[in-house]
Amino acid sequence: MEKLTSNELPRPAGPYSHVVVANGFAFTAGFGPHDPVTGELPDGIEAQTEAVIRNVERALAAVNLDLSSVVKVTAHLADLADFAAYNRVYERMFPAPYPVRTTVGSQLSGFLVEIDVVAALPQ
């Protein structure tokens, strides 16, 4: 098992790793839209969704994977009324065929979307 925290990602907000690789899969922490260098948040659900997915991409790149390796996505939206706008960005950024996905409404701490993924390692 490999546990990784990357300087290319926003600092963890608590005692957790960015990515854990175990049993043929990579599991990411939940990522928000914080810029990894400045910590700033973009405005609006579409910009925040793109920033979150970019953070997920950085986490996967740390273990030599990309979005095409993702098999499961869990997304948290602060407001489910933002689903259509979030989904447009998601559809544009994730390659088809799409991974399975769960999207739920959650109380988030000052941002609009958080995503974690499970990705399959090459066989």
C-alpha atoms as a PDB file:
ATOM      1  CA  MET A   1       0.000   0.000   0.000  1.00  0.00           C
ATOM      2  CA  GLU A   2       1.219   3.487  -0.886  1.00  0.00           C
ATOM      3  CA  LYS A   3       0.000   6.682   0.808  1.00  0.00           C
ATOM      4  CA  LEU A   4       0.868   9.957  -0.858  1.00  0.00           C
ATOM      5  CA  THR A   5       0.580  13.660  -0.142  1.00  0.00           C
ATOM      6  CA  SER A   6       1.649  15.910  -3.032  1.00  0.00           C
ATOM      7  CA  ASN A   7       3.006  19.461  -3.021  1.00  0.00           C
ATOM      8  CA  GLU A   8       1.118  19.927  -6.331  1.00  0.00           C
ATOM      9  CA  LEU A   9      -2.227  19.842  -4.478  1.00  0.00           C
ATOM     10  CA  PRO A  10      -3.925  21.998  -1.862  1.00  0.00           C
ATOM     11  CA  ARG A  11      -2.654  21.140   1.622  1.00  0.00           C
ATOM     12  CA  PRO A  12      -4.861  18.612   3.399  1.00  0.00           C
ATOM     13  CA  ALA A  13      -7.285  20.268   5.803  1.00  0.00           C
ATOM     14  CA  GLY A  14      -6.744  17.456   8.289  1.00  0.00           C
ATOM     15  CA  PRO A  15      -4.805  14.257   8.974  1.00  0.00           C
ATOM     16  CA  TYR A  16      -5.253  12.436   5.648  1.00  0.00           C
ATOM     17  CA  SER A  17      -3.362  11.559   2.477  1.00  0.00           C
ATOM     18  CA  HIS A  18      -4.219  12.896  -0.963  1.00  0.00           C
ATOM     19  CA  VAL A  19      -4.057   9.459  -2.595  1.00  0.00           C
ATOM     20  CA  VAL A  20      -3.830   5.874  -1.381  1.00  0.00           C
ATOM     21  CA  VAL A  21      -2.927   3.047  -3.761  1.00  0.00           C
ATOM     22  CA  ALA A  22      -4.034  -0.402  -2.630  1.00  0.00           C
ATOM     23  CA  ASN A  23      -5.190  -3.673  -4.195  1.00  0.00           C
ATOM     24  CA  GLY A  24      -5.085  -2.450  -7.794  1.00  0.00           C
ATOM     25  CA  PHE A  25      -6.899   0.841  -7.175  1.00  0.00           C
ATOM     26  CA  ALA A  26      -6.070   4.453  -6.362  1.00  0.00           C
ATOM     27  CA  PHE A  27      -8.410   6.214  -3.930  1.00  0.00           C
ATOM     28  CA  THR A  28      -8.351   9.991  -3.674  1.00  0.00           C
ATOM     29  CA  ALA A  29      -9.344  12.251  -0.848  1.00  0.00           C
ATOM     30  CA  GLY A  30     -12.230  14.596  -1.505  1.00  0.00           C
ATOM     31  CA  PHE A  31     -10.944  17.663  -3.327  1.00  0.00           C
ATOM     32  CA  GLY A  32     -12.452  21.113  -3.273  1.00  0.00           C
ATOM     33  CA  PRO A  33     -11.792  23.905  -5.768  1.00  0.00           C
ATOM     34  CA  HIS A  34      -8.923  25.572  -3.895  1.00  0.00           C
ATOM     35  CA  ASP A  35      -6.006  26.679  -6.054  1.00  0.00           C
ATOM     36  CA  PRO A  36      -3.005  24.568  -4.983  1.00  0.00           C
ATOM     37  CA  VAL A  37      -0.648  27.581  -5.000  1.00  0.00           C
ATOM     38  CA  THR A  38      -2.764  30.481  -3.732  1.00  0.00           C
ATOM     39  CA  GLY A  39      -5.547  28.652  -1.889  1.00  0.00           C
ATOM     40  CA  GLU A  40      -8.065  30.923  -3.607  1.00  0.00           C
ATOM     41  CA  LEU A  41     -11.522  29.777  -4.721  1.00  0.00           C
ATOM     42  CA  PRO A  42     -12.919  30.541  -8.175  1.00  0.00           C
ATOM     43  CA  ASP A  43     -16.396  32.053  -8.437  1.00  0.00           C
ATOM     44  CA  GLY A  44     -19.434  30.011  -9.451  1.00  0.00           C
ATOM     45  CA  ILE A  45     -20.285  26.354  -9.756  1.00  0.00           C
ATOM     46  CA  GLU A  46     -18.828  25.848 -13.241  1.00  0.00           C
ATOM     47  CA  ALA A  47     -15.435  27.379 -12.405  1.00  0.00           C
ATOM     48  CA  GLN A  48     -15.343  25.528  -9.095  1.00  0.00           C
ATOM     49  CA  THR A  49     -16.233  22.210 -10.743  1.00  0.00           C
ATOM     50  CA  GLU A  50     -13.432  22.661 -13.258  1.00  0.00           C
ATOM     51  CA  ALA A  51     -10.972  23.543 -10.475  1.00  0.00           C
ATOM     52  CA  VAL A  52     -12.003  20.463  -8.478  1.00  0.00           C
ATOM     53  CA  ILE A  53     -11.561  18.163 -11.465  1.00  0.00           C
ATOM     54  CA  ARG A  54      -8.138  19.727 -12.138  1.00  0.00           C
ATOM     55  CA  ASN A  55      -7.187  18.910  -8.524  1.00  0.00           C
ATOM     56  CA  VAL A  56      -8.403  15.332  -9.032  1.00  0.00           C
ATOM     57  CA  GLU A  57      -6.267  15.165 -12.197  1.00  0.00           C
ATOM     58  CA  ARG A  58      -3.217  16.345 -10.217  1.00  0.00           C
ATOM     59  CA  ALA A  59      -3.837  13.689  -7.566  1.00  0.00           C
ATOM     60  CA  LEU A  60      -4.123  10.955 -10.186  1.00  0.00           C
ATOM     61  CA  ALA A  61      -1.002  12.204 -12.015  1.00  0.00           C
ATOM     62  CA  ALA A  62       0.932  11.764  -8.757  1.00  0.00           C
ATOM     63  CA  VAL A  63       0.398   8.004  -9.203  1.00  0.00           C
ATOM     64  CA  ASN A  64       0.735   8.053 -13.023  1.00  0.00           C
ATOM     65  CA  LEU A  65      -2.996   7.888 -13.766  1.00  0.00           C
ATOM     66  CA  ASP A  66      -5.489  10.215 -15.445  1.00  0.00           C
ATOM     67  CA  LEU A  67      -9.245  10.708 -15.639  1.00  0.00           C
ATOM     68  CA  SER A  68      -9.622   7.809 -18.091  1.00  0.00           C
ATOM     69  CA  SER A  69      -8.578   5.473 -15.233  1.00  0.00           C
ATOM     70  CA  VAL A  70     -11.460   6.581 -12.987  1.00  0.00           C
ATOM     71  CA  VAL A  71     -14.090   3.922 -12.293  1.00  0.00           C
ATOM     72  CA  LYS A  72     -16.100   5.634  -9.522  1.00  0.00           C
ATOM     73  CA  VAL A  73     -16.849   9.279  -8.711  1.00  0.00           C
ATOM     74  CA  THR A  74     -18.510  10.639  -5.593  1.00  0.00           C
ATOM     75  CA  ALA A  75     -19.494  14.298  -5.866  1.00  0.00           C
ATOM     76  CA  HIS A  76     -20.889  16.574  -3.175  1.00  0.00           C
ATOM     77  CA  LEU A  77     -22.773  19.724  -4.141  1.00  0.00           C
ATOM     78  CA  ALA A  78     -23.573  22.456  -1.653  1.00  0.00           C
ATOM     79  CA  ASP A  79     -26.772  23.110  -3.635  1.00  0.00           C
ATOM     80  CA  LEU A  80     -28.379  20.404  -5.767  1.00  0.00           C
ATOM     81  CA  ALA A  81     -29.935  23.188  -7.859  1.00  0.00           C
ATOM     82  CA  ASP A  82     -26.406  23.552  -9.326  1.00  0.00           C
ATOM     83  CA  PHE A  83     -26.498  20.002 -10.739  1.00  0.00           C
ATOM     84  CA  ALA A  84     -27.053  20.950 -14.406  1.00  0.00           C
ATOM     85  CA  ALA A  85     -24.141  23.413 -14.479  1.00  0.00           C
ATOM     86  CA  TYR A  86     -21.871  20.998 -12.579  1.00  0.00           C
ATOM     87  CA  ASN A  87     -22.875  18.183 -14.942  1.00  0.00           C
ATOM     88  CA  ARG A  88     -21.994  20.215 -18.067  1.00  0.00           C
ATOM     89  CA  VAL A  89     -18.418  20.701 -16.831  1.00  0.00           C
ATOM     90  CA  TYR A  90     -18.170  17.077 -15.657  1.00  0.00           C
ATOM     91  CA  GLU A  91     -19.339  15.790 -19.050  1.00  0.00           C
ATOM     92  CA  ARG A  92     -16.814  17.997 -20.873  1.00  0.00           C
ATOM     93  CA  MET A  93     -13.840  17.021 -18.697  1.00  0.00           C
ATOM     94  CA  PHE A  94     -14.331  13.293 -18.060  1.00  0.00           C
ATOM     95  CA  PRO A  95     -13.764  11.033 -21.051  1.00  0.00           C
ATOM     96  CA  ALA A  96     -16.507   8.676 -22.228  1.00  0.00           C
ATOM     97  CA  PRO A  97     -17.349   5.999 -21.401  1.00  0.00           C
ATOM     98  CA  TYR A  98     -18.010   7.699 -18.081  1.00  0.00           C
ATOM     99  CA  PRO A  99     -17.281   6.178 -14.672  1.00  0.00           C
ATOM    100  CA  VAL A 100     -20.112   5.305 -12.320  1.00  0.00           C
ATOM    101  CA  ARG A 101     -21.094   8.282 -10.202  1.00  0.00           C
ATOM    102  CA  THR A 102     -22.962   9.318  -7.088  1.00  0.00           C
ATOM    103  CA  THR A 103     -23.857  12.985  -6.611  1.00  0.00           C
ATOM    104  CA  VAL A 104     -25.299  14.144  -3.301  1.00  0.00           C
ATOM    105  CA  GLY A 105     -26.167  17.369  -1.564  1.00  0.00           C
ATOM    106  CA  SER A 106     -23.814  18.161   1.321  1.00  0.00           C
ATOM    107  CA  GLN A 107     -23.001  20.948   3.704  1.00  0.00           C
ATOM    108  CA  LEU A 108     -19.606  22.106   2.444  1.00  0.00           C
ATOM    109  CA  SER A 109     -17.302  24.542   4.179  1.00  0.00           C
ATOM    110  CA  GLY A 110     -17.401  27.693   2.048  1.00  0.00           C
ATOM    111  CA  PHE A 111     -17.260  26.139  -1.423  1.00  0.00           C
ATOM    112  CA  LEU A 112     -19.754  24.624  -3.867  1.00  0.00           C
ATOM    113  CA  VAL A 113     -18.410  21.214  -4.941  1.00  0.00           C
ATOM    114  CA  GLU A 114     -16.141  18.439  -3.675  1.00  0.00           C
ATOM    115  CA  ILE A 115     -15.189  15.263  -5.553  1.00  0.00           C
ATOM    116  CA  ASP A 116     -13.329  12.077  -4.698  1.00  0.00           C
ATOM    117  CA  VAL A 117     -12.616   9.198  -7.085  1.00  0.00           C
ATOM    118  CA  VAL A 118     -11.524   5.603  -7.294  1.00  0.00           C
ATOM    119  CA  ALA A 119      -9.274   4.775 -10.262  1.00  0.00           C
ATOM    120  CA  ALA A 120      -8.087   1.410 -11.552  1.00  0.00           C
ATOM    121  CA  LEU A 121      -4.360   0.806 -11.936  1.00  0.00           C
ATOM    122  CA  PRO A 122      -3.189  -0.643 -15.269  1.00  0.00           C
ATOM    123  CA  GLN A 123      -3.162  -4.418 -15.281  1.00  0.00           C
END
